[in-house]
Amino acid sequence: MEISQPRPSGAAVDQGLEDRVAIEARRDKAAFTWLYEQHVERVFRYLRGRGANEDEATELTAVTFERAFRHVDRYRPGQAGFAPWLLAIARNAFIDERRRRRPQPLAEAETLVASGSDPEEAAIAAEDHRRLAALVARLPDVQRDALALRFAAGLSSRDIGAVIGKSEAATKKLLTRTIAALKEDLNRGA
């Protein structure tokens, strides 16, 4: 089977190709390696977006792919797609880990501030990030998942819906309302 190089982050996915590779991965480790290369960054970003620190996200990414490798025969081509299937595994791994441990705070905003920026701007950005992180932490799990799947993993509303068990329309509405509420709370200074 001819397989191309990993696609750049955010590039369109050829669902048919991924389905064929996933079927091949049931008996060929090289095919699974290709799937890993296609999705490892997306899974890691999703887990970081959910609040895992770098080490935890790395470990949970490994757990996700180990589970996916063991159960690739359960993947059903022609449905939502490989990325939503894989991110549902990552979501469950994250939830399992959080049940075992107390929640950890989101990564410090200072890591998000570009180097060389004005110290006052960096302090304001850090405070804004802390406020936003506190607001996001108060959201129900399904809203936090939807935000992480959209902004950290880059999934479409359709694919997010497949992961969280909602229709595309319901997912769009959930994201729209969640973002609007967060903006309102930030502007209000909550």
N, C-alpha and C. Protein backbone atom coordinates (compact mmCIF):
# COMPACT_ATOMS: atom_id res chain seq x y z
N MET A 1 0.86 -1.18 0.00
CA MET A 1 0.00 0.00 0.00
C MET A 1 0.89 1.23 0.00
N GLU A 2 0.65 2.14 -0.93
CA GLU A 2 1.39 3.39 -1.03
C GLU A 2 0.80 4.42 -0.07
N ILE A 3 1.62 4.92 0.83
CA ILE A 3 1.16 5.89 1.83
C ILE A 3 2.04 7.12 1.73
N SER A 4 1.43 8.28 1.71
CA SER A 4 2.18 9.53 1.61
C SER A 4 2.74 9.94 2.97
N GLN A 5 3.52 10.99 2.97
CA GLN A 5 4.09 11.54 4.19
C GLN A 5 2.98 12.11 5.08
N PRO A 6 3.27 12.29 6.39
CA PRO A 6 2.26 12.90 7.27
C PRO A 6 1.84 14.27 6.73
N ARG A 7 0.57 14.58 6.85
CA ARG A 7 0.07 15.86 6.37
C ARG A 7 0.43 16.96 7.36
N PRO A 8 0.58 18.17 6.87
CA PRO A 8 0.83 19.29 7.78
C PRO A 8 -0.36 19.50 8.71
N SER A 9 -0.09 20.05 9.87
CA SER A 9 -1.15 20.32 10.84
C SER A 9 -2.22 21.18 10.20
N GLY A 10 -3.48 20.77 10.34
CA GLY A 10 -4.60 21.53 9.82
C GLY A 10 -4.95 21.20 8.37
N ALA A 11 -4.14 20.36 7.71
CA ALA A 11 -4.44 20.00 6.33
C ALA A 11 -5.63 19.06 6.27
N ALA A 12 -6.31 19.09 5.13
CA ALA A 12 -7.49 18.24 4.96
C ALA A 12 -7.08 16.76 4.98
N VAL A 13 -7.99 15.95 5.48
CA VAL A 13 -7.73 14.53 5.58
C VAL A 13 -8.48 13.80 4.47
N ASP A 14 -7.84 12.80 3.90
CA ASP A 14 -8.49 11.93 2.93
C ASP A 14 -9.09 10.78 3.72
N GLN A 15 -10.40 10.89 3.99
CA GLN A 15 -11.08 9.90 4.84
C GLN A 15 -10.96 8.50 4.27
N GLY A 16 -11.09 8.37 2.96
CA GLY A 16 -10.99 7.05 2.34
C GLY A 16 -9.62 6.44 2.56
N LEU A 17 -8.57 7.24 2.40
CA LEU A 17 -7.22 6.75 2.63
C LEU A 17 -7.04 6.31 4.07
N GLU A 18 -7.48 7.14 5.01
CA GLU A 18 -7.34 6.77 6.42
C GLU A 18 -8.11 5.50 6.74
N ASP A 19 -9.29 5.34 6.17
CA ASP A 19 -10.06 4.12 6.39
C ASP A 19 -9.30 2.90 5.87
N ARG A 20 -8.73 3.03 4.67
CA ARG A 20 -7.97 1.90 4.11
C ARG A 20 -6.74 1.59 4.95
N VAL A 21 -6.06 2.62 5.41
CA VAL A 21 -4.86 2.41 6.23
C VAL A 21 -5.25 1.79 7.58
N ALA A 22 -6.35 2.23 8.15
CA ALA A 22 -6.80 1.66 9.43
C ALA A 22 -7.12 0.18 9.28
N ILE A 23 -7.72 -0.20 8.16
CA ILE A 23 -7.99 -1.62 7.92
C ILE A 23 -6.67 -2.38 7.78
N GLU A 24 -5.74 -1.80 7.04
CA GLU A 24 -4.42 -2.42 6.86
C GLU A 24 -3.67 -2.51 8.20
N ALA A 25 -3.89 -1.54 9.08
CA ALA A 25 -3.19 -1.51 10.38
C ALA A 25 -3.57 -2.69 11.27
N ARG A 26 -4.66 -3.34 10.96
CA ARG A 26 -5.07 -4.51 11.73
C ARG A 26 -4.06 -5.65 11.60
N ARG A 27 -3.27 -5.63 10.50
CA ARG A 27 -2.29 -6.70 10.29
C ARG A 27 -0.89 -6.19 9.95
N ASP A 28 -0.76 -4.87 9.82
CA ASP A 28 0.53 -4.30 9.42
C ASP A 28 0.88 -3.13 10.34
N LYS A 29 1.92 -3.31 11.15
CA LYS A 29 2.32 -2.27 12.10
C LYS A 29 2.76 -0.98 11.39
N ALA A 30 3.32 -1.11 10.20
CA ALA A 30 3.76 0.08 9.47
C ALA A 30 2.57 0.98 9.14
N ALA A 31 1.45 0.40 8.85
CA ALA A 31 0.25 1.19 8.56
C ALA A 31 -0.19 1.95 9.80
N PHE A 32 -0.11 1.29 10.96
CA PHE A 32 -0.48 1.99 12.19
C PHE A 32 0.51 3.11 12.47
N THR A 33 1.77 2.89 12.17
CA THR A 33 2.78 3.93 12.35
C THR A 33 2.41 5.17 11.55
N TRP A 34 1.93 4.98 10.33
CA TRP A 34 1.50 6.11 9.51
C TRP A 34 0.35 6.86 10.18
N LEU A 35 -0.64 6.12 10.71
CA LEU A 35 -1.76 6.76 11.41
C LEU A 35 -1.26 7.53 12.63
N TYR A 36 -0.32 6.96 13.35
CA TYR A 36 0.29 7.63 14.50
C TYR A 36 0.91 8.96 14.06
N GLU A 37 1.70 8.91 13.01
CA GLU A 37 2.37 10.13 12.54
C GLU A 37 1.37 11.19 12.09
N GLN A 38 0.25 10.77 11.55
CA GLN A 38 -0.78 11.71 11.10
C GLN A 38 -1.46 12.41 12.26
N HIS A 39 -1.58 11.74 13.41
CA HIS A 39 -2.45 12.24 14.48
C HIS A 39 -1.79 12.51 15.82
N VAL A 40 -0.53 12.20 15.98
CA VAL A 40 0.09 12.35 17.31
C VAL A 40 0.06 13.79 17.79
N GLU A 41 0.34 14.74 16.91
CA GLU A 41 0.35 16.15 17.33
C GLU A 41 -1.06 16.61 17.73
N ARG A 42 -2.06 16.20 16.97
CA ARG A 42 -3.45 16.59 17.25
C ARG A 42 -3.89 16.03 18.60
N VAL A 43 -3.57 14.78 18.89
CA VAL A 43 -3.95 14.17 20.16
C VAL A 43 -3.26 14.90 21.31
N PHE A 44 -1.97 15.17 21.15
CA PHE A 44 -1.21 15.89 22.19
C PHE A 44 -1.81 17.27 22.43
N ARG A 45 -2.12 18.01 21.37
CA ARG A 45 -2.71 19.36 21.51
C ARG A 45 -4.06 19.29 22.21
N TYR A 46 -4.87 18.30 21.85
CA TYR A 46 -6.17 18.14 22.51
C TYR A 46 -5.98 17.94 24.02
N LEU A 47 -5.07 17.06 24.38
CA LEU A 47 -4.86 16.78 25.81
C LEU A 47 -4.32 18.01 26.54
N ARG A 48 -3.45 18.76 25.90
CA ARG A 48 -2.96 20.01 26.51
C ARG A 48 -4.12 21.00 26.64
N GLY A 49 -4.97 21.04 25.62
CA GLY A 49 -6.13 21.93 25.65
C GLY A 49 -7.11 21.57 26.75
N ARG A 50 -7.16 20.32 27.13
CA ARG A 50 -8.04 19.88 28.23
C ARG A 50 -7.43 20.17 29.59
N GLY A 51 -6.16 20.60 29.63
CA GLY A 51 -5.56 20.99 30.90
C GLY A 51 -4.43 20.11 31.37
N ALA A 52 -4.06 19.11 30.58
CA ALA A 52 -2.93 18.27 30.97
C ALA A 52 -1.64 19.06 30.81
N ASN A 53 -0.72 18.88 31.78
CA ASN A 53 0.58 19.52 31.61
C ASN A 53 1.36 18.74 30.54
N GLU A 54 2.52 19.21 30.17
CA GLU A 54 3.25 18.60 29.05
C GLU A 54 3.58 17.13 29.31
N ASP A 55 4.06 16.81 30.51
CA ASP A 55 4.39 15.42 30.83
C ASP A 55 3.15 14.53 30.82
N GLU A 56 2.07 15.01 31.42
CA GLU A 56 0.83 14.25 31.46
C GLU A 56 0.27 14.05 30.04
N ALA A 57 0.31 15.10 29.23
CA ALA A 57 -0.18 14.98 27.85
C ALA A 57 0.66 13.99 27.05
N THR A 58 1.96 13.99 27.28
CA THR A 58 2.83 13.03 26.60
C THR A 58 2.47 11.61 27.00
N GLU A 59 2.29 11.39 28.29
CA GLU A 59 1.93 10.05 28.79
C GLU A 59 0.55 9.63 28.26
N LEU A 60 -0.41 10.52 28.31
CA LEU A 60 -1.76 10.19 27.86
C LEU A 60 -1.82 9.99 26.34
N THR A 61 -0.97 10.68 25.61
CA THR A 61 -0.88 10.46 24.17
C THR A 61 -0.39 9.04 23.91
N ALA A 62 0.60 8.62 24.66
CA ALA A 62 1.11 7.24 24.53
C ALA A 62 0.02 6.23 24.88
N VAL A 63 -0.71 6.49 25.97
CA VAL A 63 -1.80 5.60 26.38
C VAL A 63 -2.85 5.53 25.27
N THR A 64 -3.18 6.67 24.69
CA THR A 64 -4.18 6.74 23.62
C THR A 64 -3.78 5.85 22.45
N PHE A 65 -2.54 5.98 22.00
CA PHE A 65 -2.11 5.20 20.84
C PHE A 65 -1.92 3.73 21.18
N GLU A 66 -1.56 3.44 22.40
CA GLU A 66 -1.46 2.03 22.80
C GLU A 66 -2.84 1.39 22.77
N ARG A 67 -3.84 2.09 23.30
CA ARG A 67 -5.21 1.57 23.27
C ARG A 67 -5.72 1.45 21.84
N ALA A 68 -5.44 2.45 21.02
CA ALA A 68 -5.88 2.42 19.63
C ALA A 68 -5.22 1.26 18.88
N PHE A 69 -3.95 1.03 19.13
CA PHE A 69 -3.25 -0.07 18.46
C PHE A 69 -3.86 -1.41 18.87
N ARG A 70 -4.12 -1.56 20.16
CA ARG A 70 -4.71 -2.81 20.66
C ARG A 70 -6.11 -3.05 20.10
N HIS A 71 -6.84 -1.97 19.84
CA HIS A 71 -8.25 -2.09 19.46
C HIS A 71 -8.55 -1.55 18.06
N VAL A 72 -7.56 -1.45 17.20
CA VAL A 72 -7.79 -0.91 15.86
C VAL A 72 -8.82 -1.74 15.10
N ASP A 73 -8.99 -3.00 15.48
CA ASP A 73 -10.00 -3.83 14.83
C ASP A 73 -11.42 -3.36 15.15
N ARG A 74 -11.58 -2.51 16.17
CA ARG A 74 -12.89 -1.97 16.53
C ARG A 74 -13.25 -0.71 15.74
N TYR A 75 -12.26 -0.15 15.05
CA TYR A 75 -12.53 1.03 14.23
C TYR A 75 -13.42 0.63 13.07
N ARG A 76 -14.46 1.42 12.82
CA ARG A 76 -15.42 1.14 11.75
C ARG A 76 -15.28 2.19 10.64
N PRO A 77 -14.65 1.80 9.53
CA PRO A 77 -14.52 2.72 8.40
C PRO A 77 -15.88 3.20 7.91
N GLY A 78 -15.88 4.40 7.34
CA GLY A 78 -17.10 4.93 6.76
C GLY A 78 -18.00 5.63 7.75
N GLN A 79 -17.60 5.67 9.01
CA GLN A 79 -18.41 6.38 10.00
C GLN A 79 -17.82 7.76 10.20
N ALA A 80 -17.61 8.18 11.43
CA ALA A 80 -17.17 9.55 11.72
C ALA A 80 -15.75 9.84 11.22
N GLY A 81 -14.90 8.85 11.21
CA GLY A 81 -13.52 9.04 10.78
C GLY A 81 -12.55 8.60 11.85
N PHE A 82 -11.30 8.44 11.44
CA PHE A 82 -10.29 7.94 12.36
C PHE A 82 -9.96 8.96 13.45
N ALA A 83 -9.84 10.25 13.09
CA ALA A 83 -9.49 11.27 14.09
C ALA A 83 -10.52 11.35 15.22
N PRO A 84 -11.82 11.42 14.93
CA PRO A 84 -12.79 11.43 16.03
C PRO A 84 -12.73 10.15 16.88
N TRP A 85 -12.53 9.00 16.23
CA TRP A 85 -12.42 7.73 16.96
C TRP A 85 -11.23 7.79 17.91
N LEU A 86 -10.10 8.27 17.39
CA LEU A 86 -8.88 8.35 18.19
C LEU A 86 -9.02 9.37 19.32
N LEU A 87 -9.64 10.52 19.04
CA LEU A 87 -9.81 11.54 20.06
C LEU A 87 -10.82 11.13 21.13
N ALA A 88 -11.75 10.27 20.77
CA ALA A 88 -12.65 9.71 21.80
C ALA A 88 -11.84 8.82 22.75
N ILE A 89 -10.87 8.09 22.22
CA ILE A 89 -9.99 7.29 23.08
C ILE A 89 -9.17 8.21 23.97
N ALA A 90 -8.64 9.30 23.41
CA ALA A 90 -7.86 10.26 24.19
C ALA A 90 -8.72 10.89 25.28
N ARG A 91 -9.95 11.22 24.94
CA ARG A 91 -10.88 11.81 25.91
C ARG A 91 -11.11 10.85 27.07
N ASN A 92 -11.34 9.58 26.76
CA ASN A 92 -11.55 8.59 27.81
C ASN A 92 -10.29 8.38 28.66
N ALA A 93 -9.13 8.41 28.03
CA ALA A 93 -7.87 8.27 28.78
C ALA A 93 -7.70 9.46 29.73
N PHE A 94 -8.04 10.65 29.25
CA PHE A 94 -7.95 11.85 30.08
C PHE A 94 -8.90 11.75 31.27
N ILE A 95 -10.14 11.36 31.00
CA ILE A 95 -11.13 11.23 32.07
C ILE A 95 -10.70 10.18 33.08
N ASP A 96 -10.20 9.04 32.60
CA ASP A 96 -9.71 7.99 33.51
C ASP A 96 -8.60 8.52 34.40
N GLU A 97 -7.67 9.26 33.81
CA GLU A 97 -6.54 9.80 34.58
C GLU A 97 -7.01 10.81 35.62
N ARG A 98 -7.94 11.67 35.24
CA ARG A 98 -8.45 12.68 36.16
C ARG A 98 -9.23 12.06 37.31
N ARG A 99 -9.86 10.95 37.07
CA ARG A 99 -10.56 10.26 38.16
C ARG A 99 -9.57 9.69 39.16
N ARG A 100 -8.38 9.32 38.68
CA ARG A 100 -7.36 8.77 39.56
C ARG A 100 -6.63 9.86 40.36
N ARG A 101 -6.59 11.07 39.80
CA ARG A 101 -5.83 12.15 40.44
C ARG A 101 -6.68 13.39 40.57
N ARG A 102 -6.24 14.27 41.47
CA ARG A 102 -6.89 15.58 41.58
C ARG A 102 -6.59 16.39 40.33
N PRO A 103 -7.53 17.24 39.90
CA PRO A 103 -7.28 18.08 38.73
C PRO A 103 -6.06 18.98 38.93
N GLN A 104 -5.30 19.16 37.87
CA GLN A 104 -4.13 20.03 37.88
C GLN A 104 -4.48 21.32 37.17
N PRO A 105 -3.87 22.44 37.57
CA PRO A 105 -4.16 23.71 36.88
C PRO A 105 -3.63 23.69 35.45
N LEU A 106 -4.22 24.55 34.62
CA LEU A 106 -3.73 24.68 33.25
C LEU A 106 -2.30 25.22 33.28
N ALA A 107 -1.58 24.98 32.23
CA ALA A 107 -0.21 25.46 32.12
C ALA A 107 -0.20 26.98 32.30
N GLU A 108 0.85 27.48 32.86
CA GLU A 108 0.96 28.91 33.12
C GLU A 108 0.95 29.71 31.82
N ALA A 109 0.32 30.83 31.84
CA ALA A 109 0.19 31.67 30.65
C ALA A 109 1.54 32.17 30.16
N GLU A 110 2.51 32.24 31.06
CA GLU A 110 3.82 32.73 30.66
C GLU A 110 4.41 31.89 29.53
N THR A 111 4.05 30.61 29.46
CA THR A 111 4.58 29.78 28.39
C THR A 111 3.93 30.13 27.06
N LEU A 112 2.80 30.84 27.09
CA LEU A 112 2.11 31.21 25.86
C LEU A 112 2.52 32.60 25.37
N VAL A 113 3.15 33.38 26.22
CA VAL A 113 3.53 34.74 25.86
C VAL A 113 4.83 34.69 25.06
N ALA A 114 4.85 35.37 23.94
CA ALA A 114 6.03 35.37 23.08
C ALA A 114 7.22 35.98 23.81
N SER A 115 8.39 35.42 23.61
CA SER A 115 9.59 35.94 24.25
C SER A 115 9.88 37.33 23.70
N GLY A 116 10.41 38.17 24.56
CA GLY A 116 10.78 39.52 24.15
C GLY A 116 9.62 40.50 24.18
N SER A 117 8.46 40.09 24.65
CA SER A 117 7.35 41.03 24.71
C SER A 117 7.49 41.93 25.93
N ASP A 118 6.77 43.02 25.89
CA ASP A 118 6.77 43.99 26.97
C ASP A 118 6.32 43.32 28.27
N PRO A 119 7.02 43.55 29.39
CA PRO A 119 6.64 42.91 30.65
C PRO A 119 5.21 43.24 31.09
N GLU A 120 4.78 44.48 30.85
CA GLU A 120 3.41 44.85 31.22
C GLU A 120 2.40 44.07 30.38
N GLU A 121 2.67 43.97 29.06
CA GLU A 121 1.79 43.19 28.19
C GLU A 121 1.78 41.73 28.60
N ALA A 122 2.95 41.21 28.98
CA ALA A 122 3.04 39.82 29.42
C ALA A 122 2.23 39.60 30.68
N ALA A 123 2.28 40.54 31.61
CA ALA A 123 1.51 40.42 32.86
C ALA A 123 0.02 40.48 32.59
N ILE A 124 -0.40 41.36 31.69
CA ILE A 124 -1.82 41.47 31.34
C ILE A 124 -2.27 40.18 30.65
N ALA A 125 -1.45 39.69 29.72
CA ALA A 125 -1.80 38.45 29.02
C ALA A 125 -1.89 37.28 30.00
N ALA A 126 -0.97 37.23 30.96
CA ALA A 126 -0.99 36.16 31.95
C ALA A 126 -2.25 36.24 32.81
N GLU A 127 -2.63 37.45 33.20
CA GLU A 127 -3.85 37.62 34.00
C GLU A 127 -5.10 37.24 33.20
N ASP A 128 -5.14 37.67 31.93
CA ASP A 128 -6.26 37.30 31.06
C ASP A 128 -6.34 35.79 30.91
N HIS A 129 -5.19 35.15 30.75
CA HIS A 129 -5.17 33.69 30.60
C HIS A 129 -5.65 33.02 31.88
N ARG A 130 -5.23 33.51 33.03
CA ARG A 130 -5.69 32.93 34.30
C ARG A 130 -7.20 33.07 34.46
N ARG A 131 -7.72 34.24 34.10
CA ARG A 131 -9.18 34.45 34.18
C ARG A 131 -9.92 33.51 33.24
N LEU A 132 -9.44 33.41 32.00
CA LEU A 132 -10.06 32.52 31.04
C LEU A 132 -9.97 31.06 31.50
N ALA A 133 -8.81 30.67 32.00
CA ALA A 133 -8.63 29.30 32.49
C ALA A 133 -9.59 29.00 33.63
N ALA A 134 -9.79 29.96 34.52
CA ALA A 134 -10.72 29.76 35.63
C ALA A 134 -12.16 29.62 35.12
N LEU A 135 -12.52 30.43 34.12
CA LEU A 135 -13.87 30.32 33.54
C LEU A 135 -14.05 28.98 32.83
N VAL A 136 -13.06 28.58 32.07
CA VAL A 136 -13.15 27.31 31.35
C VAL A 136 -13.22 26.14 32.34
N ALA A 137 -12.47 26.24 33.43
CA ALA A 137 -12.46 25.16 34.44
C ALA A 137 -13.84 24.97 35.07
N ARG A 138 -14.66 26.02 35.09
CA ARG A 138 -16.00 25.92 35.68
C ARG A 138 -17.04 25.36 34.71
N LEU A 139 -16.67 25.24 33.44
CA LEU A 139 -17.62 24.73 32.44
C LEU A 139 -17.86 23.24 32.66
N PRO A 140 -19.02 22.77 32.26
CA PRO A 140 -19.27 21.32 32.28
C PRO A 140 -18.27 20.61 31.35
N ASP A 141 -17.98 19.35 31.65
CA ASP A 141 -17.00 18.59 30.87
C ASP A 141 -17.26 18.62 29.37
N VAL A 142 -18.51 18.49 28.96
CA VAL A 142 -18.82 18.44 27.53
C VAL A 142 -18.45 19.74 26.84
N GLN A 143 -18.61 20.88 27.52
CA GLN A 143 -18.23 22.16 26.92
C GLN A 143 -16.71 22.30 26.87
N ARG A 144 -16.01 21.87 27.93
CA ARG A 144 -14.55 21.91 27.91
C ARG A 144 -14.00 21.01 26.81
N ASP A 145 -14.60 19.82 26.66
CA ASP A 145 -14.17 18.91 25.61
C ASP A 145 -14.38 19.53 24.23
N ALA A 146 -15.54 20.11 24.01
CA ALA A 146 -15.85 20.71 22.71
C ALA A 146 -14.85 21.81 22.39
N LEU A 147 -14.53 22.66 23.36
CA LEU A 147 -13.56 23.73 23.13
C LEU A 147 -12.18 23.17 22.81
N ALA A 148 -11.74 22.17 23.58
CA ALA A 148 -10.42 21.58 23.34
C ALA A 148 -10.37 20.87 21.98
N LEU A 149 -11.43 20.18 21.64
CA LEU A 149 -11.46 19.49 20.35
C LEU A 149 -11.46 20.48 19.19
N ARG A 150 -12.09 21.63 19.38
CA ARG A 150 -12.13 22.64 18.32
C ARG A 150 -10.82 23.41 18.22
N PHE A 151 -10.36 23.96 19.33
CA PHE A 151 -9.24 24.89 19.28
C PHE A 151 -7.88 24.23 19.47
N ALA A 152 -7.80 23.12 20.19
CA ALA A 152 -6.52 22.45 20.36
C ALA A 152 -6.32 21.35 19.32
N ALA A 153 -7.38 20.59 19.05
CA ALA A 153 -7.25 19.48 18.09
C ALA A 153 -7.67 19.88 16.68
N GLY A 154 -8.36 21.01 16.53
CA GLY A 154 -8.72 21.50 15.21
C GLY A 154 -9.80 20.72 14.49
N LEU A 155 -10.67 20.06 15.24
CA LEU A 155 -11.74 19.27 14.62
C LEU A 155 -12.90 20.16 14.17
N SER A 156 -13.63 19.68 13.19
CA SER A 156 -14.84 20.35 12.74
C SER A 156 -15.98 20.04 13.72
N SER A 157 -17.06 20.79 13.62
CA SER A 157 -18.23 20.54 14.48
C SER A 157 -18.76 19.13 14.28
N ARG A 158 -18.76 18.67 13.05
CA ARG A 158 -19.22 17.31 12.76
C ARG A 158 -18.38 16.27 13.50
N ASP A 159 -17.05 16.43 13.43
CA ASP A 159 -16.16 15.47 14.08
C ASP A 159 -16.22 15.58 15.60
N ILE A 160 -16.35 16.81 16.10
CA ILE A 160 -16.50 16.99 17.55
C ILE A 160 -17.76 16.28 18.02
N GLY A 161 -18.84 16.45 17.27
CA GLY A 161 -20.09 15.78 17.61
C GLY A 161 -19.93 14.27 17.69
N ALA A 162 -19.13 13.72 16.78
CA ALA A 162 -18.89 12.28 16.80
C ALA A 162 -18.16 11.86 18.07
N VAL A 163 -17.27 12.70 18.56
CA VAL A 163 -16.51 12.38 19.78
C VAL A 163 -17.39 12.52 21.02
N ILE A 164 -18.18 13.58 21.09
CA ILE A 164 -18.95 13.84 22.32
C ILE A 164 -20.37 13.30 22.28
N GLY A 165 -20.75 12.72 21.16
CA GLY A 165 -22.07 12.09 21.06
C GLY A 165 -23.22 13.05 20.82
N LYS A 166 -22.96 14.09 20.01
CA LYS A 166 -24.01 15.05 19.66
C LYS A 166 -24.05 15.22 18.15
N SER A 167 -25.14 15.74 17.65
CA SER A 167 -25.24 16.02 16.22
C SER A 167 -24.36 17.22 15.88
N GLU A 168 -24.11 17.39 14.58
CA GLU A 168 -23.31 18.53 14.14
C GLU A 168 -23.98 19.84 14.53
N ALA A 169 -25.29 19.93 14.33
CA ALA A 169 -26.02 21.16 14.65
C ALA A 169 -25.97 21.45 16.15
N ALA A 170 -26.17 20.42 16.95
CA ALA A 170 -26.12 20.60 18.41
C ALA A 170 -24.72 21.00 18.86
N THR A 171 -23.71 20.47 18.21
CA THR A 171 -22.33 20.81 18.55
C THR A 171 -22.03 22.26 18.19
N LYS A 172 -22.47 22.70 17.00
CA LYS A 172 -22.27 24.10 16.61
C LYS A 172 -22.94 25.03 17.62
N LYS A 173 -24.15 24.69 18.01
CA LYS A 173 -24.87 25.51 18.98
C LYS A 173 -24.15 25.52 20.33
N LEU A 174 -23.67 24.36 20.75
CA LEU A 174 -22.93 24.26 22.02
C LEU A 174 -21.69 25.14 21.99
N LEU A 175 -20.92 25.07 20.91
CA LEU A 175 -19.71 25.88 20.80
C LEU A 175 -20.04 27.37 20.76
N THR A 176 -21.03 27.74 19.97
CA THR A 176 -21.42 29.15 19.85
C THR A 176 -21.84 29.71 21.20
N ARG A 177 -22.69 29.00 21.90
CA ARG A 177 -23.16 29.46 23.20
C ARG A 177 -22.04 29.49 24.24
N THR A 178 -21.17 28.49 24.21
CA THR A 178 -20.06 28.44 25.17
C THR A 178 -19.12 29.61 24.96
N ILE A 179 -18.76 29.86 23.71
CA ILE A 179 -17.84 30.96 23.42
C ILE A 179 -18.48 32.30 23.76
N ALA A 180 -19.74 32.47 23.44
CA ALA A 180 -20.43 33.72 23.77
C ALA A 180 -20.48 33.94 25.28
N ALA A 181 -20.76 32.89 26.02
CA ALA A 181 -20.81 33.01 27.49
C ALA A 181 -19.43 33.35 28.06
N LEU A 182 -18.38 32.72 27.52
CA LEU A 182 -17.03 33.03 27.98
C LEU A 182 -16.67 34.49 27.68
N LYS A 183 -16.99 34.97 26.49
CA LYS A 183 -16.72 36.36 26.13
C LYS A 183 -17.46 37.31 27.07
N GLU A 184 -18.72 36.99 27.32
CA GLU A 184 -19.51 37.84 28.21
C GLU A 184 -18.91 37.87 29.62
N ASP A 185 -18.53 36.72 30.12
CA ASP A 185 -17.94 36.64 31.46
C ASP A 185 -16.60 37.40 31.52
N LEU A 186 -15.81 37.28 30.47
CA LEU A 186 -14.53 38.00 30.43
C LEU A 186 -14.75 39.50 30.39
N ASN A 187 -15.71 39.94 29.58
CA ASN A 187 -15.99 41.38 29.48
C ASN A 187 -16.58 41.92 30.79
N ARG A 188 -17.32 41.08 31.48
CA ARG A 188 -17.93 41.47 32.76
C ARG A 188 -16.90 41.47 33.88
N GLY A 189 -15.78 40.79 33.64
CA GLY A 189 -14.73 40.74 34.65
C GLY A 189 -14.97 39.65 35.67
N ALA A 190 -15.74 38.62 35.32
CA ALA A 190 -16.05 37.51 36.23
C ALA A 190 -14.81 36.72 36.57
